[in-house]
Amino acid sequence: GSHLYNVLKWPLLLAPRALAMAAVRGIVGPVIRGGTVRAHRDEKHLLEFLRVWTSEYPSECAIHLIELFVSVEVIVDCRMISVPVLAFANPSDKTIDFKATEANVRSMPASALEVVTTSENSHVLTGRIQSPSTVASCTDRIQAFIREEL
């Protein structure tokens, strides 16, 4: 989760690449396994999920994500983002840091944070495959945000 990221981001980025890759493999293993379809979903949804969702990838990919995230943290001043931003987040999401997301979004001059707590998946907040129950409400919120900002 976000705590592990905060603890390890700088050591992994400052270490020689081979050492960082070995450390990531040692922490998470050779493969990172992503999301799964909930057990209550039917076979059709499972097959669709398996067809379109990347559920396994080499653990070394994490280094590239960490590089991207740290670059954004260091370079981007959210207060300077002048375009309208609508963000969706769930406080129960173990993948992201909700408080940091909330603080960053609130610091943007033209922004809104939509807290989604009713999705089937706490990280994938909407979408036909992972969180179908929120598609209509999230779509409505996006349309309302666009109307508000135009």
Protein backbone atom coordinates (compact mmCIF):
# COMPACT_ATOMS: atom_id res chain seq x y z
CA GLY A 1 0.00 0.00 0.00
CA SER A 2 0.93 3.64 0.23
CA HIS A 3 2.93 3.22 3.46
CA LEU A 4 5.33 0.77 1.82
CA TYR A 5 5.67 3.13 -1.15
CA ASN A 6 6.51 6.07 1.12
CA VAL A 7 9.12 4.06 3.00
CA LEU A 8 10.80 2.49 -0.02
CA LYS A 9 10.51 5.02 -2.85
CA TRP A 10 13.78 6.85 -2.27
CA PRO A 11 15.94 3.83 -1.41
CA LEU A 12 14.67 2.04 -4.52
CA LEU A 13 15.21 5.05 -6.76
CA LEU A 14 18.65 5.90 -5.42
CA ALA A 15 19.97 2.34 -5.39
CA PRO A 16 21.71 0.94 -8.47
CA ARG A 17 19.03 -0.40 -10.81
CA ALA A 18 20.03 -4.07 -10.42
CA LEU A 19 19.86 -3.79 -6.63
CA ALA A 20 16.49 -2.02 -6.77
CA MET A 21 15.08 -4.70 -9.07
CA ALA A 22 16.37 -7.45 -6.78
CA ALA A 23 14.85 -5.68 -3.77
CA VAL A 24 11.45 -5.43 -5.45
CA ARG A 25 11.59 -9.11 -6.41
CA GLY A 26 12.52 -9.94 -2.83
CA ILE A 27 9.60 -7.95 -1.44
CA VAL A 28 6.79 -8.95 -3.81
CA GLY A 29 8.21 -11.94 -5.67
CA PRO A 30 8.89 -12.25 -9.39
CA VAL A 31 5.32 -11.44 -10.41
CA ILE A 32 2.82 -8.90 -9.15
CA ARG A 33 -0.68 -10.26 -9.25
CA GLY A 34 -3.32 -7.63 -9.76
CA GLY A 35 -7.05 -7.52 -9.27
CA THR A 36 -9.47 -10.37 -9.43
CA VAL A 37 -13.13 -10.59 -10.20
CA ARG A 38 -15.23 -11.06 -7.09
CA ALA A 39 -16.50 -14.58 -6.48
CA HIS A 40 -20.14 -13.53 -6.93
CA ARG A 41 -19.58 -12.51 -10.54
CA ASP A 42 -20.69 -14.92 -13.25
CA GLU A 43 -18.52 -16.78 -15.75
CA LYS A 44 -19.20 -14.23 -18.50
CA HIS A 45 -17.70 -11.45 -16.39
CA LEU A 46 -14.76 -13.62 -15.38
CA LEU A 47 -13.95 -14.35 -19.03
CA GLU A 48 -14.28 -10.68 -19.92
CA PHE A 49 -12.00 -9.72 -17.04
CA LEU A 50 -9.38 -12.25 -18.09
CA ARG A 51 -9.56 -11.00 -21.68
CA VAL A 52 -9.03 -7.29 -20.97
CA TRP A 53 -7.42 -6.96 -17.55
CA THR A 54 -3.70 -7.31 -16.92
CA SER A 55 -3.65 -9.44 -13.81
CA GLU A 56 0.02 -10.42 -13.71
CA TYR A 57 3.12 -8.48 -14.61
CA PRO A 58 6.84 -8.64 -13.78
CA SER A 59 7.55 -7.13 -10.38
CA GLU A 60 10.29 -4.97 -11.89
CA CYS A 61 7.53 -2.87 -13.47
CA ALA A 62 6.97 -1.40 -10.01
CA ILE A 63 10.22 0.56 -10.34
CA HIS A 64 8.86 2.40 -13.38
CA LEU A 65 5.65 3.28 -11.54
CA ILE A 66 7.62 4.52 -8.55
CA GLU A 67 9.74 6.68 -10.88
CA LEU A 68 6.61 8.16 -12.41
CA PHE A 69 4.92 8.81 -9.06
CA VAL A 70 8.01 10.40 -7.51
CA SER A 71 8.52 12.57 -10.59
CA VAL A 72 4.98 13.88 -10.22
CA GLU A 73 5.43 14.39 -6.47
CA VAL A 74 8.64 16.36 -6.96
CA ILE A 75 7.84 18.33 -10.10
CA VAL A 76 4.11 19.05 -10.03
CA ASP A 77 2.72 21.78 -7.82
CA CYS A 78 -0.99 21.00 -7.72
CA ARG A 79 -1.77 24.62 -6.84
CA MET A 80 -0.57 25.56 -10.33
CA ILE A 81 -2.95 23.23 -12.18
CA SER A 82 -5.48 25.61 -13.63
CA VAL A 83 -7.57 23.21 -15.70
CA PRO A 84 -10.66 21.73 -14.05
CA VAL A 85 -9.94 18.39 -12.38
CA LEU A 86 -12.48 15.87 -11.17
CA ALA A 87 -10.99 13.03 -9.15
CA PHE A 88 -12.62 9.93 -7.75
CA ALA A 89 -11.26 8.18 -4.67
CA ASN A 90 -12.27 5.76 -1.95
CA PRO A 91 -10.95 6.15 1.62
CA SER A 92 -10.87 2.33 1.90
CA ASP A 93 -8.53 1.95 -1.08
CA LYS A 94 -5.35 0.24 0.13
CA THR A 95 -3.47 1.01 -3.11
CA ILE A 96 -3.48 4.79 -2.89
CA ASP A 97 -3.07 7.31 -0.10
CA PHE A 98 -6.53 8.82 0.17
CA LYS A 99 -5.43 11.70 2.40
CA ALA A 100 -2.68 12.69 -0.05
CA THR A 101 -5.13 12.44 -2.94
CA GLU A 102 -7.63 14.57 -1.07
CA ALA A 103 -5.02 17.19 -0.18
CA ASN A 104 -3.68 17.37 -3.73
CA VAL A 105 -7.11 17.67 -5.31
CA ARG A 106 -8.25 20.28 -2.80
CA SER A 107 -5.14 22.37 -3.52
CA MET A 108 -6.08 22.69 -7.19
CA PRO A 109 -8.02 25.88 -7.92
CA ALA A 110 -10.70 24.27 -10.10
CA SER A 111 -11.14 20.81 -8.70
CA ALA A 112 -13.60 18.46 -7.12
CA LEU A 113 -13.11 15.19 -5.28
CA GLU A 114 -15.88 12.65 -5.56
CA VAL A 115 -15.68 10.11 -2.76
CA VAL A 116 -16.93 6.73 -3.95
CA THR A 117 -17.61 4.17 -1.24
CA THR A 118 -20.26 1.99 -2.88
CA SER A 119 -18.18 0.37 -5.62
CA GLU A 120 -17.57 -3.36 -5.67
CA ASN A 121 -13.83 -2.71 -5.82
CA SER A 122 -12.23 -0.12 -3.53
CA HIS A 123 -9.51 0.74 -6.08
CA VAL A 124 -11.24 0.36 -9.45
CA LEU A 125 -14.12 2.64 -8.57
CA THR A 126 -16.22 2.30 -11.67
CA GLY A 127 -16.44 0.27 -14.81
CA ARG A 128 -18.56 -2.48 -16.25
CA ILE A 129 -16.14 -5.25 -15.29
CA GLN A 130 -14.89 -4.34 -11.82
CA SER A 131 -17.48 -1.96 -10.36
CA PRO A 132 -20.62 -1.94 -12.46
CA SER A 133 -22.89 -0.54 -9.75
CA THR A 134 -21.20 2.87 -9.89
CA VAL A 135 -21.10 3.40 -13.65
CA ALA A 136 -24.32 5.43 -13.77
CA SER A 137 -23.55 7.60 -10.74
CA CYS A 138 -19.95 8.28 -11.80
CA THR A 139 -21.06 9.06 -15.36
CA ASP A 140 -23.68 11.45 -14.01
CA ARG A 141 -21.08 13.15 -11.81
CA ILE A 142 -18.67 13.55 -14.72
CA GLN A 143 -21.38 15.07 -16.89
CA ALA A 144 -22.42 17.45 -14.11
CA PHE A 145 -18.80 18.48 -13.56
CA ILE A 146 -18.37 19.23 -17.25
CA ARG A 147 -21.55 21.32 -17.26
CA GLU A 148 -20.39 23.20 -14.14
CA GLU A 149 -17.01 23.99 -15.68
CA LEU A 150 -18.17 25.04 -19.14
